[in-house]
């Protein structure tokens, strides 16, 4: 009996050791496009929901308590339009096979509270760690696909030909008609009449305006004061192809404001001016109006202050309301543009 007890104890220890060793290994989760490796220290804290193109991770205790528990997800999309308007999503790279088939790899985080907020306004430590893991998780393409982190997101790889075109336009001194025909600001022609090398006066910057993980290209004059940060041309990526968004000029200025908005300041003279606030729609060149402000003595000389949310119906307001609401959008991004003369291809 004693020998049987010892034998049983040894068997149980072996089973326990096997289970423990298995639980202390990194976990690899795979779908039809990619695999994700989760470090062993997260074992026991999460559950998984998997589909052919995405893998989602949930904080186990928060989900069990009825608070959702969604921490992050990784998904692959063949068509950029499929994920363009998904809330909380951001492109982090691409996978591609030898046949040239490309999928955008998108990191998604929750857009609302997914843990027990009745106990604390701050997330549990293991929830926060799992949430943060989404930014640094190991991703590998499968079935012939290769993952390239940041591919299709960084401006220096997306807009080389656009910058070359602008340098050519400046060097060849294209006139306003040709610039307009090529969807470029007439301001390069204006600068050509000034002294000095125009390539030293015009610069660029890469900046993710709409928060989709993909840089936009912004080109503007290197200036100070109110002209600092003025946009002459902006480009974005639509279906992985660079597209022109808009051009600005002296009486039709564009700025990035408050990180993710685009402000269009226009002037029709001393009696009329406006401030139109837009969002750049993801995977599109469309500027979607959020709110507009205009000073228009032609329409109402006694109370020329107006606000709109549709660009069609303007509401007359008092000066105090006008200034208070407009002030929210006056934090312009004063970019330090890199001179075009510094570019080396």
C-alpha atoms as a PDB file:
ATOM      1  CA  UNK A   1       0.000   0.000   0.000  1.00  0.00           C
ATOM      2  CA  UNK A   2       2.839   2.357   0.863  1.00  0.00           C
ATOM      3  CA  UNK A   3       4.491   1.697  -2.520  1.00  0.00           C
ATOM      4  CA  UNK A   4       1.217   2.411  -4.304  1.00  0.00           C
ATOM      5  CA  UNK A   5       0.885   5.669  -2.402  1.00  0.00           C
ATOM      6  CA  UNK A   6       4.409   6.734  -3.336  1.00  0.00           C
ATOM      7  CA  UNK A   7       3.829   5.740  -6.967  1.00  0.00           C
ATOM      8  CA  UNK A   8       0.596   7.702  -7.070  1.00  0.00           C
ATOM      9  CA  UNK A   9       2.287  10.697  -5.513  1.00  0.00           C
ATOM     10  CA  UNK A  10       5.048  10.588  -8.143  1.00  0.00           C
ATOM     11  CA  UNK A  11       2.457  10.383 -10.944  1.00  0.00           C
ATOM     12  CA  UNK A  12       0.540  13.350  -9.526  1.00  0.00           C
ATOM     13  CA  UNK A  13       3.748  15.363  -9.238  1.00  0.00           C
ATOM     14  CA  UNK A  14       4.564  14.542 -12.835  1.00  0.00           C
ATOM     15  CA  UNK A  15       1.132  15.639 -14.006  1.00  0.00           C
ATOM     16  CA  UNK A  16       1.377  18.839 -11.964  1.00  0.00           C
ATOM     17  CA  UNK A  17       4.853  19.575 -13.322  1.00  0.00           C
ATOM     18  CA  UNK A  18       3.650  19.025 -16.886  1.00  0.00           C
ATOM     19  CA  UNK A  19       0.641  21.312 -16.445  1.00  0.00           C
ATOM     20  CA  UNK A  20       2.747  23.932 -14.676  1.00  0.00           C
ATOM     21  CA  UNK A  21       5.459  23.842 -17.356  1.00  0.00           C
ATOM     22  CA  UNK A  22       2.833  24.105 -20.071  1.00  0.00           C
ATOM     23  CA  UNK A  23       1.210  27.068 -18.337  1.00  0.00           C
ATOM     24  CA  UNK A  24       4.577  28.819 -18.023  1.00  0.00           C
ATOM     25  CA  UNK A  25       5.211  28.917 -21.754  1.00  0.00           C
ATOM     26  CA  UNK A  26       4.515  31.819 -24.132  1.00  0.00           C
ATOM     27  CA  UNK A  27       1.210  31.272 -25.898  1.00  0.00           C
ATOM     28  CA  UNK A  28       1.003  31.464 -29.697  1.00  0.00           C
ATOM     29  CA  UNK A  29      -2.446  32.246 -31.152  1.00  0.00           C
ATOM     30  CA  UNK A  30      -2.948  31.830 -34.908  1.00  0.00           C
ATOM     31  CA  UNK A  31      -5.642  32.619 -37.457  1.00  0.00           C
ATOM     32  CA  UNK A  32      -5.567  32.353 -41.269  1.00  0.00           C
ATOM     33  CA  UNK A  33      -3.347  35.442 -41.718  1.00  0.00           C
ATOM     34  CA  UNK A  34      -1.014  35.868 -38.765  1.00  0.00           C
ATOM     35  CA  UNK A  35       0.008  34.588 -35.363  1.00  0.00           C
ATOM     36  CA  UNK A  36       0.433  36.487 -32.105  1.00  0.00           C
ATOM     37  CA  UNK A  37       2.746  35.489 -29.280  1.00  0.00           C
ATOM     38  CA  UNK A  38       1.599  36.377 -25.765  1.00  0.00           C
ATOM     39  CA  UNK A  39       4.348  36.350 -23.094  1.00  0.00           C
ATOM     40  CA  UNK A  40       3.893  33.713 -20.392  1.00  0.00           C
ATOM     41  CA  UNK A  41       3.517  36.285 -17.618  1.00  0.00           C
ATOM     42  CA  UNK A  42       0.045  37.081 -18.993  1.00  0.00           C
ATOM     43  CA  UNK A  43      -1.130  33.459 -18.736  1.00  0.00           C
ATOM     44  CA  UNK A  44      -4.374  33.144 -16.803  1.00  0.00           C
ATOM     45  CA  UNK A  45      -5.291  36.850 -17.095  1.00  0.00           C
ATOM     46  CA  UNK A  46      -6.993  36.827 -20.486  1.00  0.00           C
ATOM     47  CA  UNK A  47      -9.389  35.012 -22.775  1.00  0.00           C
ATOM     48  CA  UNK A  48      -9.407  35.008 -26.575  1.00  0.00           C
ATOM     49  CA  UNK A  49     -11.972  35.438 -29.327  1.00  0.00           C
ATOM     50  CA  UNK A  50     -10.643  34.474 -32.720  1.00  0.00           C
ATOM     51  CA  UNK A  51     -11.906  34.835 -36.302  1.00  0.00           C
ATOM     52  CA  UNK A  52     -10.287  34.237 -39.684  1.00  0.00           C
ATOM     53  CA  UNK A  53      -8.887  37.772 -39.879  1.00  0.00           C
ATOM     54  CA  UNK A  54      -8.662  38.946 -36.269  1.00  0.00           C
ATOM     55  CA  UNK A  55      -7.753  37.953 -32.745  1.00  0.00           C
ATOM     56  CA  UNK A  56      -9.238  39.770 -29.753  1.00  0.00           C
ATOM     57  CA  UNK A  57      -7.988  39.670 -26.171  1.00  0.00           C
ATOM     58  CA  UNK A  58     -10.190  40.121 -23.103  1.00  0.00           C
ATOM     59  CA  UNK A  59      -9.298  40.698 -19.482  1.00  0.00           C
ATOM     60  CA  UNK A  60     -10.735  37.528 -17.967  1.00  0.00           C
ATOM     61  CA  UNK A  61     -11.910  38.836 -14.589  1.00  0.00           C
ATOM     62  CA  UNK A  62     -13.472  42.018 -16.048  1.00  0.00           C
ATOM     63  CA  UNK A  63     -15.349  39.995 -18.655  1.00  0.00           C
ATOM     64  CA  UNK A  64     -16.543  37.504 -16.030  1.00  0.00           C
ATOM     65  CA  UNK A  65     -17.804  40.408 -13.893  1.00  0.00           C
ATOM     66  CA  UNK A  66     -19.923  41.666 -16.798  1.00  0.00           C
ATOM     67  CA  UNK A  67     -17.871  44.706 -17.823  1.00  0.00           C
ATOM     68  CA  UNK A  68     -16.850  43.606 -21.307  1.00  0.00           C
ATOM     69  CA  UNK A  69     -13.164  43.193 -20.598  1.00  0.00           C
ATOM     70  CA  UNK A  70     -11.993  43.965 -24.142  1.00  0.00           C
ATOM     71  CA  UNK A  71      -8.309  44.971 -23.914  1.00  0.00           C
ATOM     72  CA  UNK A  72      -7.074  44.970 -27.516  1.00  0.00           C
ATOM     73  CA  UNK A  73      -7.408  43.243 -30.857  1.00  0.00           C
ATOM     74  CA  UNK A  74      -5.291  42.709 -33.956  1.00  0.00           C
ATOM     75  CA  UNK A  75      -7.002  42.352 -37.336  1.00  0.00           C
ATOM     76  CA  UNK A  76      -6.060  42.106 -41.000  1.00  0.00           C
ATOM     77  CA  UNK A  77      -7.992  43.847 -43.792  1.00  0.00           C
ATOM     78  CA  UNK A  78      -7.404  43.372 -47.503  1.00  0.00           C
ATOM     79  CA  UNK A  79      -9.406  46.490 -48.359  1.00  0.00           C
ATOM     80  CA  UNK A  80      -8.463  49.634 -46.364  1.00  0.00           C
ATOM     81  CA  UNK A  81     -12.066  50.850 -46.602  1.00  0.00           C
ATOM     82  CA  UNK A  82     -13.110  47.941 -44.382  1.00  0.00           C
ATOM     83  CA  UNK A  83     -11.377  49.386 -41.350  1.00  0.00           C
ATOM     84  CA  UNK A  84     -11.259  53.092 -42.212  1.00  0.00           C
ATOM     85  CA  UNK A  85     -14.188  54.126 -40.019  1.00  0.00           C
ATOM     86  CA  UNK A  86     -13.860  51.538 -37.256  1.00  0.00           C
ATOM     87  CA  UNK A  87     -13.692  53.323 -33.882  1.00  0.00           C
ATOM     88  CA  UNK A  88     -10.521  52.784 -31.915  1.00  0.00           C
ATOM     89  CA  UNK A  89      -8.576  51.267 -34.815  1.00  0.00           C
ATOM     90  CA  UNK A  90      -5.096  52.262 -36.019  1.00  0.00           C
ATOM     91  CA  UNK A  91      -2.968  50.757 -38.773  1.00  0.00           C
ATOM     92  CA  UNK A  92       0.353  49.446 -37.447  1.00  0.00           C
ATOM     93  CA  UNK A  93       1.783  47.610 -40.467  1.00  0.00           C
ATOM     94  CA  UNK A  94       1.076  45.258 -43.359  1.00  0.00           C
ATOM     95  CA  UNK A  95       1.407  41.613 -44.249  1.00  0.00           C
ATOM     96  CA  UNK A  96       2.140  40.611 -47.830  1.00  0.00           C
ATOM     97  CA  UNK A  97       2.772  37.377 -49.709  1.00  0.00           C
ATOM     98  CA  UNK A  98       4.854  36.662 -52.819  1.00  0.00           C
ATOM     99  CA  UNK A  99       1.808  37.152 -55.041  1.00  0.00           C
ATOM    100  CA  UNK A 100       1.576  40.781 -53.896  1.00  0.00           C
ATOM    101  CA  UNK A 101      -1.571  40.303 -51.808  1.00  0.00           C
ATOM    102  CA  UNK A 102      -1.569  42.907 -49.019  1.00  0.00           C
ATOM    103  CA  UNK A 103      -3.505  43.133 -45.780  1.00  0.00           C
ATOM    104  CA  UNK A 104      -3.456  46.134 -43.472  1.00  0.00           C
ATOM    105  CA  UNK A 105      -2.735  45.081 -39.897  1.00  0.00           C
ATOM    106  CA  UNK A 106      -4.830  47.144 -37.503  1.00  0.00           C
ATOM    107  CA  UNK A 107      -4.548  47.492 -33.738  1.00  0.00           C
ATOM    108  CA  UNK A 108      -7.879  48.137 -32.034  1.00  0.00           C
ATOM    109  CA  UNK A 109      -8.389  49.354 -28.484  1.00  0.00           C
ATOM    110  CA  UNK A 110     -11.692  49.844 -26.650  1.00  0.00           C
ATOM    111  CA  UNK A 111     -13.439  53.186 -26.982  1.00  0.00           C
ATOM    112  CA  UNK A 112     -15.234  52.905 -23.630  1.00  0.00           C
ATOM    113  CA  UNK A 113     -14.526  51.540 -20.140  1.00  0.00           C
ATOM    114  CA  UNK A 114     -14.201  47.753 -20.174  1.00  0.00           C
ATOM    115  CA  UNK A 115     -13.342  47.060 -16.509  1.00  0.00           C
ATOM    116  CA  UNK A 116     -15.228  47.370 -13.200  1.00  0.00           C
ATOM    117  CA  UNK A 117     -15.338  51.170 -12.892  1.00  0.00           C
ATOM    118  CA  UNK A 118     -17.609  50.902  -9.810  1.00  0.00           C
ATOM    119  CA  UNK A 119     -14.609  49.799  -7.751  1.00  0.00           C
ATOM    120  CA  UNK A 120     -12.058  52.254  -9.138  1.00  0.00           C
ATOM    121  CA  UNK A 121     -11.716  54.889 -11.825  1.00  0.00           C
ATOM    122  CA  UNK A 122      -8.347  53.356 -12.670  1.00  0.00           C
ATOM    123  CA  UNK A 123      -8.096  49.999 -14.457  1.00  0.00           C
ATOM    124  CA  UNK A 124      -6.771  46.928 -12.614  1.00  0.00           C
ATOM    125  CA  UNK A 125      -3.021  46.539 -13.026  1.00  0.00           C
ATOM    126  CA  UNK A 126      -3.256  43.345 -15.090  1.00  0.00           C
ATOM    127  CA  UNK A 127      -5.925  44.944 -17.338  1.00  0.00           C
ATOM    128  CA  UNK A 128      -3.632  47.927 -17.991  1.00  0.00           C
ATOM    129  CA  UNK A 129      -0.694  45.626 -18.756  1.00  0.00           C
ATOM    130  CA  UNK A 130      -2.812  43.623 -21.193  1.00  0.00           C
ATOM    131  CA  UNK A 131      -4.120  46.837 -22.804  1.00  0.00           C
ATOM    132  CA  UNK A 132      -0.562  48.134 -23.262  1.00  0.00           C
ATOM    133  CA  UNK A 133       0.581  44.803 -24.689  1.00  0.00           C
ATOM    134  CA  UNK A 134      -1.309  45.627 -27.881  1.00  0.00           C
ATOM    135  CA  UNK A 135       1.343  48.213 -28.753  1.00  0.00           C
ATOM    136  CA  UNK A 136       4.270  45.792 -28.549  1.00  0.00           C
ATOM    137  CA  UNK A 137       2.830  42.324 -29.140  1.00  0.00           C
ATOM    138  CA  UNK A 138       4.794  40.007 -31.431  1.00  0.00           C
ATOM    139  CA  UNK A 139       3.047  39.484 -34.805  1.00  0.00           C
ATOM    140  CA  UNK A 140       4.141  37.026 -37.508  1.00  0.00           C
ATOM    141  CA  UNK A 141       2.518  36.385 -40.880  1.00  0.00           C
ATOM    142  CA  UNK A 142       1.488  32.799 -41.702  1.00  0.00           C
ATOM    143  CA  UNK A 143       0.723  30.795 -44.866  1.00  0.00           C
ATOM    144  CA  UNK A 144       3.245  32.711 -46.970  1.00  0.00           C
ATOM    145  CA  UNK A 145       2.493  36.138 -45.528  1.00  0.00           C
ATOM    146  CA  UNK A 146       5.286  38.257 -44.043  1.00  0.00           C
ATOM    147  CA  UNK A 147       4.576  40.953 -41.482  1.00  0.00           C
ATOM    148  CA  UNK A 148       6.301  44.328 -41.880  1.00  0.00           C
ATOM    149  CA  UNK A 149       5.846  46.608 -38.887  1.00  0.00           C
ATOM    150  CA  UNK A 150       5.029  50.244 -39.792  1.00  0.00           C
ATOM    151  CA  UNK A 151       4.790  49.379 -43.503  1.00  0.00           C
ATOM    152  CA  UNK A 152       2.279  51.685 -45.182  1.00  0.00           C
ATOM    153  CA  UNK A 153       2.189  54.084 -42.243  1.00  0.00           C
ATOM    154  CA  UNK A 154       5.336  56.235 -42.353  1.00  0.00           C
ATOM    155  CA  UNK A 155       5.432  59.315 -44.542  1.00  0.00           C
ATOM    156  CA  UNK A 156       9.052  58.942 -45.611  1.00  0.00           C
ATOM    157  CA  UNK A 157       8.105  55.816 -47.549  1.00  0.00           C
ATOM    158  CA  UNK A 158       4.725  57.005 -48.843  1.00  0.00           C
ATOM    159  CA  UNK A 159       5.221  60.439 -50.397  1.00  0.00           C
ATOM    160  CA  UNK A 160       8.629  60.486 -52.107  1.00  0.00           C
ATOM    161  CA  UNK A 161       7.178  61.066 -55.583  1.00  0.00           C
ATOM    162  CA  UNK A 162       4.917  63.842 -54.288  1.00  0.00           C
ATOM    163  CA  UNK A 163       7.871  65.688 -52.806  1.00  0.00           C
ATOM    164  CA  UNK A 164       9.874  65.217 -56.012  1.00  0.00           C
ATOM    165  CA  UNK A 165       6.991  66.769 -57.945  1.00  0.00           C
ATOM    166  CA  UNK A 166       6.901  69.815 -55.669  1.00  0.00           C
ATOM    167  CA  UNK A 167      10.644  70.304 -55.981  1.00  0.00           C
ATOM    168  CA  UNK A 168      10.339  70.098 -59.764  1.00  0.00           C
ATOM    169  CA  UNK A 169       7.491  72.627 -59.766  1.00  0.00           C
ATOM    170  CA  UNK A 170       9.542  75.085 -57.739  1.00  0.00           C
ATOM    171  CA  UNK A 171      12.763  74.594 -59.693  1.00  0.00           C
ATOM    172  CA  UNK A 172      10.948  74.972 -63.023  1.00  0.00           C
ATOM    173  CA  UNK A 173       8.916  77.938 -61.715  1.00  0.00           C
ATOM    174  CA  UNK A 174       5.538  76.614 -62.758  1.00  0.00           C
ATOM    175  CA  UNK A 175       2.987  79.406 -63.175  1.00  0.00           C
ATOM    176  CA  UNK A 176      -0.279  79.581 -61.240  1.00  0.00           C
ATOM    177  CA  UNK A 177      -2.296  77.945 -64.028  1.00  0.00           C
ATOM    178  CA  UNK A 178      -0.069  74.880 -64.176  1.00  0.00           C
ATOM    179  CA  UNK A 179       0.078  74.643 -60.397  1.00  0.00           C
ATOM    180  CA  UNK A 180      -3.716  74.737 -60.205  1.00  0.00           C
ATOM    181  CA  UNK A 181      -3.986  72.124 -62.946  1.00  0.00           C
ATOM    182  CA  UNK A 182      -1.683  69.849 -60.948  1.00  0.00           C
ATOM    183  CA  UNK A 183      -3.670  70.443 -57.715  1.00  0.00           C
ATOM    184  CA  UNK A 184      -0.911  72.477 -56.108  1.00  0.00           C
ATOM    185  CA  UNK A 185      -1.000  75.799 -54.286  1.00  0.00           C
ATOM    186  CA  UNK A 186      -0.352  78.959 -56.308  1.00  0.00           C
ATOM    187  CA  UNK A 187       1.799  80.185 -53.416  1.00  0.00           C
ATOM    188  CA  UNK A 188       4.908  78.501 -54.860  1.00  0.00           C
ATOM    189  CA  UNK A 189       4.623  80.862 -57.813  1.00  0.00           C
ATOM    190  CA  UNK A 190       4.220  83.815 -55.442  1.00  0.00           C
ATOM    191  CA  UNK A 191       7.358  82.809 -53.534  1.00  0.00           C
ATOM    192  CA  UNK A 192       9.247  82.519 -56.833  1.00  0.00           C
ATOM    193  CA  UNK A 193       9.031  86.328 -57.144  1.00  0.00           C
ATOM    194  CA  UNK A 194      10.886  86.809 -53.840  1.00  0.00           C
ATOM    195  CA  UNK A 195      14.615  86.765 -53.233  1.00  0.00           C
ATOM    196  CA  UNK A 196      16.467  83.616 -52.276  1.00  0.00           C
ATOM    197  CA  UNK A 197      16.059  79.913 -52.904  1.00  0.00           C
ATOM    198  CA  UNK A 198      12.384  78.938 -52.689  1.00  0.00           C
ATOM    199  CA  UNK A 199      13.379  75.410 -51.640  1.00  0.00           C
ATOM    200  CA  UNK A 200      14.733  76.984 -48.453  1.00  0.00           C
ATOM    201  CA  UNK A 201      11.415  78.749 -47.853  1.00  0.00           C
ATOM    202  CA  UNK A 202       9.066  75.806 -48.388  1.00  0.00           C
ATOM    203  CA  UNK A 203       9.121  72.782 -46.114  1.00  0.00           C
ATOM    204  CA  UNK A 204       7.279  69.608 -45.214  1.00  0.00           C
ATOM    205  CA  UNK A 205       6.324  67.444 -42.280  1.00  0.00           C
ATOM    206  CA  UNK A 206       4.680  64.047 -41.793  1.00  0.00           C
ATOM    207  CA  UNK A 207       1.803  64.138 -39.341  1.00  0.00           C
ATOM    208  CA  UNK A 208      -1.072  61.746 -38.637  1.00  0.00           C
ATOM    209  CA  UNK A 209      -3.943  64.217 -38.737  1.00  0.00           C
ATOM    210  CA  UNK A 210      -6.909  61.858 -38.351  1.00  0.00           C
ATOM    211  CA  UNK A 211      -5.357  59.342 -35.962  1.00  0.00           C
ATOM    212  CA  UNK A 212      -5.658  56.306 -38.235  1.00  0.00           C
ATOM    213  CA  UNK A 213      -1.984  55.408 -37.811  1.00  0.00           C
ATOM    214  CA  UNK A 214      -1.031  56.636 -41.307  1.00  0.00           C
ATOM    215  CA  UNK A 215       0.972  59.827 -41.817  1.00  0.00           C
ATOM    216  CA  UNK A 216      -0.312  62.683 -43.926  1.00  0.00           C
ATOM    217  CA  UNK A 217       2.130  64.856 -45.862  1.00  0.00           C
ATOM    218  CA  UNK A 218       1.861  68.574 -45.081  1.00  0.00           C
ATOM    219  CA  UNK A 219       3.725  71.167 -47.154  1.00  0.00           C
ATOM    220  CA  UNK A 220       3.904  74.822 -46.198  1.00  0.00           C
ATOM    221  CA  UNK A 221       5.971  77.962 -45.982  1.00  0.00           C
ATOM    222  CA  UNK A 222       8.733  78.186 -43.399  1.00  0.00           C
ATOM    223  CA  UNK A 223       7.556  81.298 -41.592  1.00  0.00           C
ATOM    224  CA  UNK A 224       6.970  82.884 -38.205  1.00  0.00           C
ATOM    225  CA  UNK A 225       4.021  84.522 -36.475  1.00  0.00           C
ATOM    226  CA  UNK A 226       0.538  83.855 -37.852  1.00  0.00           C
ATOM    227  CA  UNK A 227       2.007  82.249 -40.976  1.00  0.00           C
ATOM    228  CA  UNK A 228       3.869  79.585 -39.010  1.00  0.00           C
ATOM    229  CA  UNK A 229       2.199  76.236 -39.682  1.00  0.00           C
ATOM    230  CA  UNK A 230       0.110  77.429 -42.635  1.00  0.00           C
ATOM    231  CA  UNK A 231      -0.609  74.547 -45.024  1.00  0.00           C
ATOM    232  CA  UNK A 232      -0.124  75.052 -48.752  1.00  0.00           C
ATOM    233  CA  UNK A 233      -0.826  71.428 -49.697  1.00  0.00           C
ATOM    234  CA  UNK A 234      -1.861  68.298 -47.831  1.00  0.00           C
ATOM    235  CA  UNK A 235      -1.794  64.693 -49.026  1.00  0.00           C
ATOM    236  CA  UNK A 236      -3.222  61.544 -47.503  1.00  0.00           C
ATOM    237  CA  UNK A 237      -3.379  57.834 -48.364  1.00  0.00           C
ATOM    238  CA  UNK A 238      -6.529  56.454 -49.999  1.00  0.00           C
ATOM    239  CA  UNK A 239      -6.531  52.716 -50.660  1.00  0.00           C
ATOM    240  CA  UNK A 240      -2.723  52.803 -50.177  1.00  0.00           C
ATOM    241  CA  UNK A 241      -2.283  55.494 -52.874  1.00  0.00           C
ATOM    242  CA  UNK A 242      -1.269  59.123 -52.067  1.00  0.00           C
ATOM    243  CA  UNK A 243      -4.038  61.592 -52.847  1.00  0.00           C
ATOM    244  CA  UNK A 244      -4.281  65.385 -52.673  1.00  0.00           C
ATOM    245  CA  UNK A 245      -6.561  66.748 -49.952  1.00  0.00           C
ATOM    246  CA  UNK A 246      -6.515  70.532 -50.407  1.00  0.00           C
ATOM    247  CA  UNK A 247      -4.473  73.627 -51.261  1.00  0.00           C
ATOM    248  CA  UNK A 248      -4.304  76.888 -49.367  1.00  0.00           C
ATOM    249  CA  UNK A 249      -3.276  80.457 -50.040  1.00  0.00           C
ATOM    250  CA  UNK A 250      -3.008  83.916 -48.548  1.00  0.00           C
ATOM    251  CA  UNK A 251      -6.763  84.510 -48.164  1.00  0.00           C
ATOM    252  CA  UNK A 252      -7.625  80.853 -47.735  1.00  0.00           C
ATOM    253  CA  UNK A 253      -5.340  79.482 -45.030  1.00  0.00           C
ATOM    254  CA  UNK A 254      -5.394  75.980 -43.571  1.00  0.00           C
ATOM    255  CA  UNK A 255      -3.946  74.903 -40.237  1.00  0.00           C
ATOM    256  CA  UNK A 256      -3.951  71.750 -38.150  1.00  0.00           C
ATOM    257  CA  UNK A 257      -5.529  72.674 -34.836  1.00  0.00           C
ATOM    258  CA  UNK A 258      -5.936  70.836 -31.546  1.00  0.00           C
ATOM    259  CA  UNK A 259      -4.004  67.817 -32.901  1.00  0.00           C
ATOM    260  CA  UNK A 260      -6.732  66.292 -35.083  1.00  0.00           C
ATOM    261  CA  UNK A 261      -8.791  69.123 -36.605  1.00  0.00           C
ATOM    262  CA  UNK A 262      -8.163  71.169 -39.730  1.00  0.00           C
ATOM    263  CA  UNK A 263      -9.085  74.839 -39.604  1.00  0.00           C
ATOM    264  CA  UNK A 264      -9.740  76.812 -42.773  1.00  0.00           C
ATOM    265  CA  UNK A 265      -9.450  80.560 -42.263  1.00  0.00           C
ATOM    266  CA  UNK A 266     -10.879  82.514 -45.162  1.00  0.00           C
ATOM    267  CA  UNK A 267     -11.321  86.224 -45.801  1.00  0.00           C
ATOM    268  CA  UNK A 268     -13.690  88.085 -48.074  1.00  0.00           C
ATOM    269  CA  UNK A 269     -12.442  91.499 -46.987  1.00  0.00           C
ATOM    270  CA  UNK A 270     -12.832  93.610 -43.881  1.00  0.00           C
ATOM    271  CA  UNK A 271     -16.540  92.828 -43.604  1.00  0.00           C
ATOM    272  CA  UNK A 272     -16.418  89.060 -44.029  1.00  0.00           C
ATOM    273  CA  UNK A 273     -14.211  86.288 -42.652  1.00  0.00           C
ATOM    274  CA  UNK A 274     -14.670  82.727 -41.499  1.00  0.00           C
ATOM    275  CA  UNK A 275     -13.221  79.779 -39.605  1.00  0.00           C
ATOM    276  CA  UNK A 276     -14.339  76.334 -40.763  1.00  0.00           C
ATOM    277  CA  UNK A 277     -13.341  73.358 -38.607  1.00  0.00           C
ATOM    278  CA  UNK A 278     -13.049  69.955 -40.295  1.00  0.00           C
ATOM    279  CA  UNK A 279     -12.016  66.374 -39.676  1.00  0.00           C
ATOM    280  CA  UNK A 280     -10.158  64.501 -42.401  1.00  0.00           C
ATOM    281  CA  UNK A 281     -12.162  61.351 -43.121  1.00  0.00           C
ATOM    282  CA  UNK A 282     -10.032  58.197 -42.930  1.00  0.00           C
ATOM    283  CA  UNK A 283      -9.051  56.584 -46.249  1.00  0.00           C
ATOM    284  CA  UNK A 284     -10.537  59.613 -48.039  1.00  0.00           C
ATOM    285  CA  UNK A 285      -9.724  63.163 -49.108  1.00  0.00           C
ATOM    286  CA  UNK A 286     -13.039  64.387 -47.726  1.00  0.00           C
ATOM    287  CA  UNK A 287     -13.008  67.143 -45.133  1.00  0.00           C
ATOM    288  CA  UNK A 288     -16.040  66.658 -42.869  1.00  0.00           C
ATOM    289  CA  UNK A 289     -17.356  69.840 -41.287  1.00  0.00           C
ATOM    290  CA  UNK A 290     -17.566  69.863 -37.493  1.00  0.00           C
ATOM    291  CA  UNK A 291     -18.420  73.498 -36.894  1.00  0.00           C
ATOM    292  CA  UNK A 292     -18.064  76.824 -38.705  1.00  0.00           C
ATOM    293  CA  UNK A 293     -17.760  80.427 -37.537  1.00  0.00           C
ATOM    294  CA  UNK A 294     -18.139  83.532 -39.675  1.00  0.00           C
ATOM    295  CA  UNK A 295     -18.125  87.280 -39.250  1.00  0.00           C
ATOM    296  CA  UNK A 296     -20.411  88.691 -41.941  1.00  0.00           C
ATOM    297  CA  UNK A 297     -21.466  92.339 -41.965  1.00  0.00           C
ATOM    298  CA  UNK A 298     -23.038  91.859 -45.385  1.00  0.00           C
ATOM    299  CA  UNK A 299     -25.634  89.542 -43.885  1.00  0.00           C
ATOM    300  CA  UNK A 300     -26.134  91.378 -40.608  1.00  0.00           C
ATOM    301  CA  UNK A 301     -24.300  94.657 -40.060  1.00  0.00           C
ATOM    302  CA  UNK A 302     -25.573  95.082 -36.481  1.00  0.00           C
ATOM    303  CA  UNK A 303     -24.788  91.544 -35.274  1.00  0.00           C
ATOM    304  CA  UNK A 304     -22.383  89.898 -37.765  1.00  0.00           C
ATOM    305  CA  UNK A 305     -21.613  86.756 -35.725  1.00  0.00           C
ATOM    306  CA  UNK A 306     -22.711  83.348 -37.007  1.00  0.00           C
ATOM    307  CA  UNK A 307     -22.164  79.654 -36.217  1.00  0.00           C
ATOM    308  CA  UNK A 308     -23.033  76.599 -38.321  1.00  0.00           C
ATOM    309  CA  UNK A 309     -22.840  72.828 -38.039  1.00  0.00           C
ATOM    310  CA  UNK A 310     -23.943  72.073 -41.584  1.00  0.00           C
ATOM    311  CA  UNK A 311     -22.364  74.762 -43.823  1.00  0.00           C
ATOM    312  CA  UNK A 312     -25.895  75.563 -44.995  1.00  0.00           C
ATOM    313  CA  UNK A 313     -27.818  76.828 -41.993  1.00  0.00           C
ATOM    314  CA  UNK A 314     -26.078  79.632 -40.121  1.00  0.00           C
ATOM    315  CA  UNK A 315     -27.305  80.712 -36.700  1.00  0.00           C
ATOM    316  CA  UNK A 316     -26.913  84.290 -35.536  1.00  0.00           C
ATOM    317  CA  UNK A 317     -25.267  84.448 -32.069  1.00  0.00           C
ATOM    318  CA  UNK A 318     -23.925  87.171 -29.803  1.00  0.00           C
ATOM    319  CA  UNK A 319     -20.253  88.133 -29.865  1.00  0.00           C
ATOM    320  CA  UNK A 320     -19.468  86.486 -26.492  1.00  0.00           C
ATOM    321  CA  UNK A 321     -20.855  83.104 -27.569  1.00  0.00           C
ATOM    322  CA  UNK A 322     -19.043  83.390 -30.892  1.00  0.00           C
ATOM    323  CA  UNK A 323     -15.656  84.099 -29.320  1.00  0.00           C
ATOM    324  CA  UNK A 324     -15.985  81.490 -26.553  1.00  0.00           C
ATOM    325  CA  UNK A 325     -16.822  78.667 -28.957  1.00  0.00           C
ATOM    326  CA  UNK A 326     -14.260  79.697 -31.560  1.00  0.00           C
ATOM    327  CA  UNK A 327     -11.514  79.917 -28.947  1.00  0.00           C
ATOM    328  CA  UNK A 328     -11.666  76.135 -28.433  1.00  0.00           C
ATOM    329  CA  UNK A 329     -10.207  75.638 -31.921  1.00  0.00           C
ATOM    330  CA  UNK A 330      -7.498  78.307 -31.896  1.00  0.00           C
ATOM    331  CA  UNK A 331      -4.661  76.047 -30.707  1.00  0.00           C
ATOM    332  CA  UNK A 332      -2.833  75.767 -34.034  1.00  0.00           C
ATOM    333  CA  UNK A 333       0.019  73.344 -34.609  1.00  0.00           C
ATOM    334  CA  UNK A 334       2.963  75.633 -35.428  1.00  0.00           C
ATOM    335  CA  UNK A 335       5.001  73.094 -37.369  1.00  0.00           C
ATOM    336  CA  UNK A 336       8.752  73.419 -37.808  1.00  0.00           C
ATOM    337  CA  UNK A 337       8.781  72.392 -41.455  1.00  0.00           C
ATOM    338  CA  UNK A 338      11.851  70.665 -42.874  1.00  0.00           C
ATOM    339  CA  UNK A 339      13.114  72.686 -45.888  1.00  0.00           C
ATOM    340  CA  UNK A 340      12.652  70.983 -49.251  1.00  0.00           C
ATOM    341  CA  UNK A 341      16.284  71.863 -49.930  1.00  0.00           C
ATOM    342  CA  UNK A 342      17.293  69.332 -47.259  1.00  0.00           C
ATOM    343  CA  UNK A 343      15.712  66.350 -49.044  1.00  0.00           C
ATOM    344  CA  UNK A 344      18.039  63.703 -50.435  1.00  0.00           C
ATOM    345  CA  UNK A 345      16.508  60.978 -52.591  1.00  0.00           C
END
